[in-house]
């Protein structure tokens, strides 16, 4: 766990992988419907959303995103930047509480 493209001094690179954007992947695979996106990608969330902006605007899927201030900071942005980007896309933000209940934050 806790793998990230943005390492701190306690981690070492174990493997090199290739990545693409959500927009590129959806176009290449001719995706016609997208209902749900879950992201737990240790600091890459903002960049993933930016790389999927056209797809998100087209399909408006529900998003479940872990926001970890420490991994955001390692990636070079603040968690508030991620929240603002999500809001600017037209989404409301909810937290998932114990027991699976949701609570609207913004």
PDB file of N, CA and C in Angstrom:
ATOM      1  N   UNK A   1       0.796  -1.184   0.000  1.00  0.00           N
ATOM      2  CA  UNK A   1       0.000   0.000   0.000  1.00  0.00           C
ATOM      3  C   UNK A   1       0.846   1.258   0.000  1.00  0.00           C
ATOM      4  N   UNK A   2       0.159   2.371  -0.167  1.00  0.00           N
ATOM      5  CA  UNK A   2       0.766   3.698  -0.130  1.00  0.00           C
ATOM      6  C   UNK A   2       1.758   3.929  -1.265  1.00  0.00           C
ATOM      7  N   UNK A   3       1.571   3.276  -2.392  1.00  0.00           N
ATOM      8  CA  UNK A   3       2.417   3.547  -3.550  1.00  0.00           C
ATOM      9  C   UNK A   3       2.002   4.870  -4.168  1.00  0.00           C
ATOM     10  N   UNK A   4       2.982   5.605  -4.661  1.00  0.00           N
ATOM     11  CA  UNK A   4       2.710   6.921  -5.212  1.00  0.00           C
ATOM     12  C   UNK A   4       3.742   7.257  -6.269  1.00  0.00           C
ATOM     13  N   UNK A   5       3.347   8.099  -7.204  1.00  0.00           N
ATOM     14  CA  UNK A   5       4.306   8.636  -8.156  1.00  0.00           C
ATOM     15  C   UNK A   5       5.175   9.696  -7.500  1.00  0.00           C
ATOM     16  N   UNK A   6       4.770  10.158  -6.328  1.00  0.00           N
ATOM     17  CA  UNK A   6       5.445  11.240  -5.617  1.00  0.00           C
ATOM     18  C   UNK A   6       5.993  10.703  -4.306  1.00  0.00           C
ATOM     19  N   UNK A   7       7.229  10.319  -4.319  1.00  0.00           N
ATOM     20  CA  UNK A   7       7.849   9.647  -3.185  1.00  0.00           C
ATOM     21  C   UNK A   7       8.435  10.645  -2.187  1.00  0.00           C
ATOM     22  N   UNK A   8       8.496  10.224  -0.929  1.00  0.00           N
ATOM     23  CA  UNK A   8       9.261  10.979   0.053  1.00  0.00           C
ATOM     24  C   UNK A   8      10.506  10.164   0.391  1.00  0.00           C
ATOM     25  N   UNK A   9      11.246  10.584   1.366  1.00  0.00           N
ATOM     26  CA  UNK A   9      12.538   9.954   1.665  1.00  0.00           C
ATOM     27  C   UNK A   9      12.408   8.528   2.187  1.00  0.00           C
ATOM     28  N   UNK A  10      11.227   8.097   2.589  1.00  0.00           N
ATOM     29  CA  UNK A  10      11.050   6.761   3.138  1.00  0.00           C
ATOM     30  C   UNK A  10      10.706   5.705   2.101  1.00  0.00           C
ATOM     31  N   UNK A  11      10.575   6.099   0.859  1.00  0.00           N
ATOM     32  CA  UNK A  11      10.175   5.160  -0.180  1.00  0.00           C
ATOM     33  C   UNK A  11      11.265   5.041  -1.230  1.00  0.00           C
ATOM     34  N   UNK A  12      11.271   3.914  -1.892  1.00  0.00           N
ATOM     35  CA  UNK A  12      12.156   3.752  -3.037  1.00  0.00           C
ATOM     36  C   UNK A  12      11.353   3.207  -4.203  1.00  0.00           C
ATOM     37  N   UNK A  13      11.805   3.494  -5.401  1.00  0.00           N
ATOM     38  CA  UNK A  13      11.093   3.059  -6.599  1.00  0.00           C
ATOM     39  C   UNK A  13      11.287   1.561  -6.770  1.00  0.00           C
ATOM     40  N   UNK A  14      10.177   0.853  -6.827  1.00  0.00           N
ATOM     41  CA  UNK A  14      10.217  -0.596  -6.968  1.00  0.00           C
ATOM     42  C   UNK A  14       9.952  -1.029  -8.403  1.00  0.00           C
ATOM     43  N   UNK A  15       9.262  -0.187  -9.145  1.00  0.00           N
ATOM     44  CA  UNK A  15       8.843  -0.577 -10.485  1.00  0.00           C
ATOM     45  C   UNK A  15       8.505   0.668 -11.278  1.00  0.00           C
ATOM     46  N   UNK A  16       8.726   0.643 -12.573  1.00  0.00           N
ATOM     47  CA  UNK A  16       8.360   1.732 -13.461  1.00  0.00           C
ATOM     48  C   UNK A  16       7.157   1.288 -14.276  1.00  0.00           C
ATOM     49  N   UNK A  17       6.146   2.132 -14.331  1.00  0.00           N
ATOM     50  CA  UNK A  17       4.942   1.809 -15.091  1.00  0.00           C
ATOM     51  C   UNK A  17       4.635   2.940 -16.059  1.00  0.00           C
ATOM     52  N   UNK A  18       3.856   2.631 -17.082  1.00  0.00           N
ATOM     53  CA  UNK A  18       3.411   3.688 -17.994  1.00  0.00           C
ATOM     54  C   UNK A  18       2.011   4.113 -17.568  1.00  0.00           C
ATOM     55  N   UNK A  19       1.707   5.371 -17.800  1.00  0.00           N
ATOM     56  CA  UNK A  19       0.395   5.908 -17.455  1.00  0.00           C
ATOM     57  C   UNK A  19      -0.181   6.638 -18.660  1.00  0.00           C
ATOM     58  N   UNK A  20      -1.483   6.836 -18.643  1.00  0.00           N
ATOM     59  CA  UNK A  20      -2.171   7.604 -19.667  1.00  0.00           C
ATOM     60  C   UNK A  20      -3.233   8.432 -18.964  1.00  0.00           C
ATOM     61  N   UNK A  21      -3.891   9.294 -19.685  1.00  0.00           N
ATOM     62  CA  UNK A  21      -4.960  10.082 -19.081  1.00  0.00           C
ATOM     63  C   UNK A  21      -6.296   9.362 -19.254  1.00  0.00           C
ATOM     64  N   UNK A  22      -7.241   9.739 -18.427  1.00  0.00           N
ATOM     65  CA  UNK A  22      -8.587   9.193 -18.538  1.00  0.00           C
ATOM     66  C   UNK A  22      -9.190   9.559 -19.894  1.00  0.00           C
ATOM     67  N   UNK A  23      -8.976  10.797 -20.336  1.00  0.00           N
ATOM     68  CA  UNK A  23      -9.502  11.218 -21.642  1.00  0.00           C
ATOM     69  C   UNK A  23      -8.928  10.373 -22.768  1.00  0.00           C
ATOM     70  N   UNK A  24      -7.627  10.151 -22.760  1.00  0.00           N
ATOM     71  CA  UNK A  24      -6.995   9.336 -23.809  1.00  0.00           C
ATOM     72  C   UNK A  24      -7.501   7.900 -23.762  1.00  0.00           C
ATOM     73  N   UNK A  25      -7.573   7.327 -22.558  1.00  0.00           N
ATOM     74  CA  UNK A  25      -7.992   5.937 -22.420  1.00  0.00           C
ATOM     75  C   UNK A  25      -9.436   5.753 -22.883  1.00  0.00           C
ATOM     76  N   UNK A  26     -10.315   6.672 -22.474  1.00  0.00           N
ATOM     77  CA  UNK A  26     -11.721   6.571 -22.866  1.00  0.00           C
ATOM     78  C   UNK A  26     -11.888   6.736 -24.377  1.00  0.00           C
ATOM     79  N   UNK A  27     -11.116   7.626 -24.978  1.00  0.00           N
ATOM     80  CA  UNK A  27     -11.183   7.809 -26.435  1.00  0.00           C
ATOM     81  C   UNK A  27     -10.666   6.572 -27.155  1.00  0.00           C
ATOM     82  N   UNK A  28      -9.523   6.054 -26.725  1.00  0.00           N
ATOM     83  CA  UNK A  28      -8.946   4.867 -27.364  1.00  0.00           C
ATOM     84  C   UNK A  28      -9.854   3.650 -27.251  1.00  0.00           C
ATOM     85  N   UNK A  29     -10.575   3.541 -26.165  1.00  0.00           N
ATOM     86  CA  UNK A  29     -11.447   2.388 -25.931  1.00  0.00           C
ATOM     87  C   UNK A  29     -12.904   2.668 -26.271  1.00  0.00           C
ATOM     88  N   UNK A  30     -13.161   3.819 -26.881  1.00  0.00           N
ATOM     89  CA  UNK A  30     -14.487   4.222 -27.343  1.00  0.00           C
ATOM     90  C   UNK A  30     -15.556   4.045 -26.253  1.00  0.00           C
ATOM     91  N   UNK A  31     -15.261   4.548 -25.072  1.00  0.00           N
ATOM     92  CA  UNK A  31     -16.178   4.448 -23.947  1.00  0.00           C
ATOM     93  C   UNK A  31     -17.415   5.301 -24.230  1.00  0.00           C
ATOM     94  N   UNK A  32     -18.587   4.708 -24.100  1.00  0.00           N
ATOM     95  CA  UNK A  32     -19.839   5.394 -24.390  1.00  0.00           C
ATOM     96  C   UNK A  32     -20.622   5.774 -23.137  1.00  0.00           C
ATOM     97  N   UNK A  33     -20.226   5.212 -21.984  1.00  0.00           N
ATOM     98  CA  UNK A  33     -20.934   5.501 -20.749  1.00  0.00           C
ATOM     99  C   UNK A  33     -19.958   5.315 -19.590  1.00  0.00           C
ATOM    100  N   UNK A  34     -20.013   6.224 -18.632  1.00  0.00           N
ATOM    101  CA  UNK A  34     -19.171   6.130 -17.449  1.00  0.00           C
ATOM    102  C   UNK A  34     -19.994   6.638 -16.271  1.00  0.00           C
ATOM    103  N   UNK A  35     -20.298   5.743 -15.333  1.00  0.00           N
ATOM    104  CA  UNK A  35     -21.167   6.082 -14.217  1.00  0.00           C
ATOM    105  C   UNK A  35     -20.420   6.406 -12.934  1.00  0.00           C
ATOM    106  N   UNK A  36     -19.216   5.850 -12.762  1.00  0.00           N
ATOM    107  CA  UNK A  36     -18.575   5.873 -11.452  1.00  0.00           C
ATOM    108  C   UNK A  36     -17.061   5.832 -11.610  1.00  0.00           C
ATOM    109  N   UNK A  37     -16.370   6.684 -10.870  1.00  0.00           N
ATOM    110  CA  UNK A  37     -14.900   6.683 -10.867  1.00  0.00           C
ATOM    111  C   UNK A  37     -14.447   6.696  -9.409  1.00  0.00           C
ATOM    112  N   UNK A  38     -13.590   5.759  -9.041  1.00  0.00           N
ATOM    113  CA  UNK A  38     -13.013   5.715  -7.704  1.00  0.00           C
ATOM    114  C   UNK A  38     -11.523   5.977  -7.833  1.00  0.00           C
ATOM    115  N   UNK A  39     -11.013   6.927  -7.041  1.00  0.00           N
ATOM    116  CA  UNK A  39      -9.590   7.263  -7.065  1.00  0.00           C
ATOM    117  C   UNK A  39      -9.009   7.199  -5.660  1.00  0.00           C
ATOM    118  N   UNK A  40      -7.971   6.413  -5.533  1.00  0.00           N
ATOM    119  CA  UNK A  40      -7.154   6.373  -4.319  1.00  0.00           C
ATOM    120  C   UNK A  40      -5.742   6.214  -4.855  1.00  0.00           C
ATOM    121  N   UNK A  41      -5.186   7.315  -5.365  1.00  0.00           N
ATOM    122  CA  UNK A  41      -3.936   7.233  -6.122  1.00  0.00           C
ATOM    123  C   UNK A  41      -2.841   8.123  -5.550  1.00  0.00           C
ATOM    124  N   UNK A  42      -2.900   8.283  -4.245  1.00  0.00           N
ATOM    125  CA  UNK A  42      -1.804   8.825  -3.435  1.00  0.00           C
ATOM    126  C   UNK A  42      -1.141  10.078  -3.999  1.00  0.00           C
ATOM    127  N   UNK A  43      -1.947  11.126  -4.182  1.00  0.00           N
ATOM    128  CA  UNK A  43      -1.407  12.413  -4.608  1.00  0.00           C
ATOM    129  C   UNK A  43      -1.619  12.729  -6.065  1.00  0.00           C
ATOM    130  N   UNK A  44      -1.981  11.742  -6.859  1.00  0.00           N
ATOM    131  CA  UNK A  44      -2.184  11.964  -8.295  1.00  0.00           C
ATOM    132  C   UNK A  44      -3.619  12.327  -8.643  1.00  0.00           C
ATOM    133  N   UNK A  45      -4.467  12.467  -7.643  1.00  0.00           N
ATOM    134  CA  UNK A  45      -5.887  12.715  -7.897  1.00  0.00           C
ATOM    135  C   UNK A  45      -6.143  13.967  -8.730  1.00  0.00           C
ATOM    136  N   UNK A  46      -5.500  15.077  -8.391  1.00  0.00           N
ATOM    137  CA  UNK A  46      -5.717  16.310  -9.143  1.00  0.00           C
ATOM    138  C   UNK A  46      -5.300  16.131 -10.594  1.00  0.00           C
ATOM    139  N   UNK A  47      -4.163  15.503 -10.819  1.00  0.00           N
ATOM    140  CA  UNK A  47      -3.666  15.312 -12.184  1.00  0.00           C
ATOM    141  C   UNK A  47      -4.556  14.347 -12.968  1.00  0.00           C
ATOM    142  N   UNK A  48      -5.084  13.338 -12.296  1.00  0.00           N
ATOM    143  CA  UNK A  48      -6.000  12.407 -12.955  1.00  0.00           C
ATOM    144  C   UNK A  48      -7.285  13.115 -13.377  1.00  0.00           C
ATOM    145  N   UNK A  49      -7.806  13.952 -12.497  1.00  0.00           N
ATOM    146  CA  UNK A  49      -9.009  14.707 -12.855  1.00  0.00           C
ATOM    147  C   UNK A  49      -8.742  15.658 -14.017  1.00  0.00           C
ATOM    148  N   UNK A  50      -7.602  16.325 -13.985  1.00  0.00           N
ATOM    149  CA  UNK A  50      -7.245  17.228 -15.083  1.00  0.00           C
ATOM    150  C   UNK A  50      -7.116  16.458 -16.397  1.00  0.00           C
ATOM    151  N   UNK A  51      -6.566  15.274 -16.335  1.00  0.00           N
ATOM    152  CA  UNK A  51      -6.416  14.438 -17.532  1.00  0.00           C
ATOM    153  C   UNK A  51      -7.704  13.762 -17.961  1.00  0.00           C
ATOM    154  N   UNK A  52      -8.749  13.925 -17.175  1.00  0.00           N
ATOM    155  CA  UNK A  52     -10.042  13.346 -17.517  1.00  0.00           C
ATOM    156  C   UNK A  52     -11.148  14.380 -17.600  1.00  0.00           C
ATOM    157  N   UNK A  53     -10.765  15.636 -17.691  1.00  0.00           N
ATOM    158  CA  UNK A  53     -11.759  16.710 -17.635  1.00  0.00           C
ATOM    159  C   UNK A  53     -12.832  16.584 -18.715  1.00  0.00           C
ATOM    160  N   UNK A  54     -12.449  16.288 -19.947  1.00  0.00           N
ATOM    161  CA  UNK A  54     -13.441  16.148 -21.026  1.00  0.00           C
ATOM    162  C   UNK A  54     -14.384  14.982 -20.736  1.00  0.00           C
ATOM    163  N   UNK A  55     -13.831  13.891 -20.270  1.00  0.00           N
ATOM    164  CA  UNK A  55     -14.629  12.708 -19.946  1.00  0.00           C
ATOM    165  C   UNK A  55     -15.590  13.001 -18.802  1.00  0.00           C
ATOM    166  N   UNK A  56     -15.102  13.687 -17.770  1.00  0.00           N
ATOM    167  CA  UNK A  56     -15.940  14.020 -16.624  1.00  0.00           C
ATOM    168  C   UNK A  56     -17.064  14.975 -17.025  1.00  0.00           C
ATOM    169  N   UNK A  57     -16.755  15.940 -17.872  1.00  0.00           N
ATOM    170  CA  UNK A  57     -17.781  16.884 -18.329  1.00  0.00           C
ATOM    171  C   UNK A  57     -18.820  16.190 -19.207  1.00  0.00           C
ATOM    172  N   UNK A  58     -18.371  15.231 -19.996  1.00  0.00           N
ATOM    173  CA  UNK A  58     -19.284  14.528 -20.904  1.00  0.00           C
ATOM    174  C   UNK A  58     -20.219  13.582 -20.155  1.00  0.00           C
ATOM    175  N   UNK A  59     -19.675  12.768 -19.244  1.00  0.00           N
ATOM    176  CA  UNK A  59     -20.458  11.721 -18.598  1.00  0.00           C
ATOM    177  C   UNK A  59     -20.960  12.065 -17.200  1.00  0.00           C
ATOM    178  N   UNK A  60     -20.347  13.035 -16.530  1.00  0.00           N
ATOM    179  CA  UNK A  60     -20.701  13.410 -15.157  1.00  0.00           C
ATOM    180  C   UNK A  60     -20.833  12.185 -14.239  1.00  0.00           C
ATOM    181  N   UNK A  61     -19.808  11.336 -14.190  1.00  0.00           N
ATOM    182  CA  UNK A  61     -19.900  10.159 -13.311  1.00  0.00           C
ATOM    183  C   UNK A  61     -19.826  10.569 -11.842  1.00  0.00           C
ATOM    184  N   UNK A  62     -20.321   9.718 -10.978  1.00  0.00           N
ATOM    185  CA  UNK A  62     -20.105   9.909  -9.548  1.00  0.00           C
ATOM    186  C   UNK A  62     -18.628   9.672  -9.278  1.00  0.00           C
ATOM    187  N   UNK A  63     -18.058  10.456  -8.387  1.00  0.00           N
ATOM    188  CA  UNK A  63     -16.645  10.333  -8.049  1.00  0.00           C
ATOM    189  C   UNK A  63     -16.501   9.961  -6.581  1.00  0.00           C
ATOM    190  N   UNK A  64     -15.642   9.017  -6.300  1.00  0.00           N
ATOM    191  CA  UNK A  64     -15.224   8.719  -4.936  1.00  0.00           C
ATOM    192  C   UNK A  64     -13.722   8.900  -4.927  1.00  0.00           C
ATOM    193  N   UNK A  65     -13.265   9.893  -4.164  1.00  0.00           N
ATOM    194  CA  UNK A  65     -11.856  10.266  -4.190  1.00  0.00           C
ATOM    195  C   UNK A  65     -11.334  10.381  -2.769  1.00  0.00           C
ATOM    196  N   UNK A  66     -10.265   9.678  -2.477  1.00  0.00           N
ATOM    197  CA  UNK A  66      -9.605   9.873  -1.197  1.00  0.00           C
ATOM    198  C   UNK A  66      -8.774  11.141  -1.293  1.00  0.00           C
ATOM    199  N   UNK A  67      -8.939  12.028  -0.318  1.00  0.00           N
ATOM    200  CA  UNK A  67      -8.147  13.252  -0.274  1.00  0.00           C
ATOM    201  C   UNK A  67      -7.251  13.179   0.946  1.00  0.00           C
ATOM    202  N   UNK A  68      -5.955  13.080   0.697  1.00  0.00           N
ATOM    203  CA  UNK A  68      -4.965  12.970   1.763  1.00  0.00           C
ATOM    204  C   UNK A  68      -4.044  14.185   1.659  1.00  0.00           C
ATOM    205  N   UNK A  69      -4.132  15.113   2.591  1.00  0.00           N
ATOM    206  CA  UNK A  69      -3.321  16.338   2.502  1.00  0.00           C
ATOM    207  C   UNK A  69      -1.824  16.069   2.359  1.00  0.00           C
ATOM    208  N   UNK A  70      -1.308  15.045   2.998  1.00  0.00           N
ATOM    209  CA  UNK A  70       0.129  14.757   2.937  1.00  0.00           C
ATOM    210  C   UNK A  70       0.565  14.327   1.533  1.00  0.00           C
ATOM    211  N   UNK A  71      -0.222  13.468   0.888  1.00  0.00           N
ATOM    212  CA  UNK A  71       0.168  13.038  -0.455  1.00  0.00           C
ATOM    213  C   UNK A  71      -0.069  14.137  -1.483  1.00  0.00           C
ATOM    214  N   UNK A  72      -1.086  14.973  -1.263  1.00  0.00           N
ATOM    215  CA  UNK A  72      -1.286  16.134  -2.143  1.00  0.00           C
ATOM    216  C   UNK A  72      -0.059  17.039  -2.086  1.00  0.00           C
ATOM    217  N   UNK A  73       0.394  17.317  -0.883  1.00  0.00           N
ATOM    218  CA  UNK A  73       1.550  18.194  -0.695  1.00  0.00           C
ATOM    219  C   UNK A  73       2.801  17.607  -1.356  1.00  0.00           C
ATOM    220  N   UNK A  74       2.999  16.306  -1.225  1.00  0.00           N
ATOM    221  CA  UNK A  74       4.156  15.667  -1.879  1.00  0.00           C
ATOM    222  C   UNK A  74       4.088  15.819  -3.389  1.00  0.00           C
ATOM    223  N   UNK A  75       2.855  15.874  -3.930  1.00  0.00           N
ATOM    224  CA  UNK A  75       2.670  16.022  -5.373  1.00  0.00           C
ATOM    225  C   UNK A  75       2.784  17.469  -5.829  1.00  0.00           C
ATOM    226  N   UNK A  76       2.889  18.401  -4.869  1.00  0.00           N
ATOM    227  CA  UNK A  76       3.119  19.789  -5.235  1.00  0.00           C
ATOM    228  C   UNK A  76       1.894  20.682  -5.211  1.00  0.00           C
ATOM    229  N   UNK A  77       0.818  20.210  -4.604  1.00  0.00           N
ATOM    230  CA  UNK A  77      -0.371  21.042  -4.476  1.00  0.00           C
ATOM    231  C   UNK A  77      -0.991  20.807  -3.107  1.00  0.00           C
ATOM    232  N   UNK A  78      -1.967  21.622  -2.754  1.00  0.00           N
ATOM    233  CA  UNK A  78      -2.664  21.498  -1.474  1.00  0.00           C
ATOM    234  C   UNK A  78      -3.996  20.777  -1.685  1.00  0.00           C
ATOM    235  N   UNK A  79      -4.479  20.116  -0.653  1.00  0.00           N
ATOM    236  CA  UNK A  79      -5.762  19.418  -0.765  1.00  0.00           C
ATOM    237  C   UNK A  79      -6.880  20.400  -1.136  1.00  0.00           C
ATOM    238  N   UNK A  80      -6.759  21.651  -0.711  1.00  0.00           N
ATOM    239  CA  UNK A  80      -7.746  22.667  -1.066  1.00  0.00           C
ATOM    240  C   UNK A  80      -7.802  22.898  -2.579  1.00  0.00           C
ATOM    241  N   UNK A  81      -6.653  22.736  -3.260  1.00  0.00           N
ATOM    242  CA  UNK A  81      -6.624  22.868  -4.722  1.00  0.00           C
ATOM    243  C   UNK A  81      -7.463  21.773  -5.370  1.00  0.00           C
ATOM    244  N   UNK A  82      -7.373  20.573  -4.823  1.00  0.00           N
ATOM    245  CA  UNK A  82      -8.154  19.448  -5.332  1.00  0.00           C
ATOM    246  C   UNK A  82      -9.644  19.695  -5.102  1.00  0.00           C
ATOM    247  N   UNK A  83     -10.006  20.146  -3.922  1.00  0.00           N
ATOM    248  CA  UNK A  83     -11.404  20.446  -3.612  1.00  0.00           C
ATOM    249  C   UNK A  83     -11.936  21.524  -4.550  1.00  0.00           C
ATOM    250  N   UNK A  84     -11.171  22.584  -4.758  1.00  0.00           N
ATOM    251  CA  UNK A  84     -11.602  23.663  -5.653  1.00  0.00           C
ATOM    252  C   UNK A  84     -11.805  23.150  -7.076  1.00  0.00           C
ATOM    253  N   UNK A  85     -10.889  22.308  -7.543  1.00  0.00           N
ATOM    254  CA  UNK A  85     -11.006  21.770  -8.899  1.00  0.00           C
ATOM    255  C   UNK A  85     -12.288  20.948  -9.046  1.00  0.00           C
ATOM    256  N   UNK A  86     -12.579  20.117  -8.053  1.00  0.00           N
ATOM    257  CA  UNK A  86     -13.792  19.298  -8.083  1.00  0.00           C
ATOM    258  C   UNK A  86     -15.034  20.186  -8.102  1.00  0.00           C
ATOM    259  N   UNK A  87     -15.041  21.215  -7.266  1.00  0.00           N
ATOM    260  CA  UNK A  87     -16.177  22.146  -7.245  1.00  0.00           C
ATOM    261  C   UNK A  87     -16.317  22.877  -8.577  1.00  0.00           C
ATOM    262  N   UNK A  88     -15.182  23.283  -9.162  1.00  0.00           N
ATOM    263  CA  UNK A  88     -15.214  23.987 -10.442  1.00  0.00           C
ATOM    264  C   UNK A  88     -15.746  23.108 -11.573  1.00  0.00           C
ATOM    265  N   UNK A  89     -15.636  21.787 -11.415  1.00  0.00           N
ATOM    266  CA  UNK A  89     -16.205  20.865 -12.404  1.00  0.00           C
ATOM    267  C   UNK A  89     -17.724  20.738 -12.253  1.00  0.00           C
ATOM    268  N   UNK A  90     -18.264  21.340 -11.192  1.00  0.00           N
ATOM    269  CA  UNK A  90     -19.706  21.310 -10.993  1.00  0.00           C
ATOM    270  C   UNK A  90     -20.189  20.237 -10.033  1.00  0.00           C
ATOM    271  N   UNK A  91     -19.265  19.633  -9.312  1.00  0.00           N
ATOM    272  CA  UNK A  91     -19.627  18.591  -8.361  1.00  0.00           C
ATOM    273  C   UNK A  91     -19.860  19.184  -6.976  1.00  0.00           C
ATOM    274  N   UNK A  92     -20.703  18.538  -6.185  1.00  0.00           N
ATOM    275  CA  UNK A  92     -20.822  18.802  -4.756  1.00  0.00           C
ATOM    276  C   UNK A  92     -19.909  17.796  -4.065  1.00  0.00           C
ATOM    277  N   UNK A  93     -19.497  18.111  -2.852  1.00  0.00           N
ATOM    278  CA  UNK A  93     -18.575  17.224  -2.140  1.00  0.00           C
ATOM    279  C   UNK A  93     -19.237  16.707  -0.872  1.00  0.00           C
ATOM    280  N   UNK A  94     -19.156  15.406  -0.700  1.00  0.00           N
ATOM    281  CA  UNK A  94     -19.702  14.716   0.465  1.00  0.00           C
ATOM    282  C   UNK A  94     -18.582  13.924   1.123  1.00  0.00           C
ATOM    283  N   UNK A  95     -18.678  13.747   2.413  1.00  0.00           N
ATOM    284  CA  UNK A  95     -17.768  12.828   3.093  1.00  0.00           C
ATOM    285  C   UNK A  95     -18.530  11.530   3.322  1.00  0.00           C
ATOM    286  N   UNK A  96     -17.801  10.442   3.372  1.00  0.00           N
ATOM    287  CA  UNK A  96     -18.392   9.146   3.698  1.00  0.00           C
ATOM    288  C   UNK A  96     -18.096   8.891   5.165  1.00  0.00           C
ATOM    289  N   UNK A  97     -19.139   8.816   5.946  1.00  0.00           N
ATOM    290  CA  UNK A  97     -19.025   8.645   7.390  1.00  0.00           C
ATOM    291  C   UNK A  97     -19.008   7.164   7.750  1.00  0.00           C
ATOM    292  N   UNK A  98     -18.769   6.882   9.009  1.00  0.00           N
ATOM    293  CA  UNK A  98     -18.831   5.500   9.486  1.00  0.00           C
ATOM    294  C   UNK A  98     -20.207   4.932   9.182  1.00  0.00           C
ATOM    295  N   UNK A  99     -20.229   3.689   8.805  1.00  0.00           N
ATOM    296  CA  UNK A  99     -21.493   3.045   8.472  1.00  0.00           C
ATOM    297  C   UNK A  99     -21.944   3.330   7.053  1.00  0.00           C
ATOM    298  N   UNK A 100     -21.141   4.090   6.291  1.00  0.00           N
ATOM    299  CA  UNK A 100     -21.464   4.353   4.898  1.00  0.00           C
ATOM    300  C   UNK A 100     -22.379   5.533   4.653  1.00  0.00           C
ATOM    301  N   UNK A 101     -22.784   6.212   5.709  1.00  0.00           N
ATOM    302  CA  UNK A 101     -23.626   7.399   5.543  1.00  0.00           C
ATOM    303  C   UNK A 101     -22.808   8.497   4.865  1.00  0.00           C
ATOM    304  N   UNK A 102     -23.486   9.350   4.079  1.00  0.00           N
ATOM    305  CA  UNK A 102     -22.797  10.484   3.462  1.00  0.00           C
ATOM    306  C   UNK A 102     -23.268  11.782   4.106  1.00  0.00           C
ATOM    307  N   UNK A 103     -22.352  12.768   4.114  1.00  0.00           N
ATOM    308  CA  UNK A 103     -22.644  14.081   4.682  1.00  0.00           C
ATOM    309  C   UNK A 103     -22.129  15.130   3.705  1.00  0.00           C
ATOM    310  N   UNK A 104     -23.001  16.029   3.253  1.00  0.00           N
ATOM    311  CA  UNK A 104     -22.602  17.064   2.307  1.00  0.00           C
ATOM    312  C   UNK A 104     -21.688  18.057   2.997  1.00  0.00           C
ATOM    313  N   UNK A 105     -20.540  18.316   2.353  1.00  0.00           N
ATOM    314  CA  UNK A 105     -19.576  19.282   2.860  1.00  0.00           C
ATOM    315  C   UNK A 105     -19.724  20.595   2.114  1.00  0.00           C
ATOM    316  N   UNK A 106     -19.767  20.539   0.797  1.00  0.00           N
ATOM    317  CA  UNK A 106     -19.949  21.744  -0.026  1.00  0.00           C
ATOM    318  C   UNK A 106     -20.885  21.442  -1.173  1.00  0.00           C
TER     319      UNK A 106
END
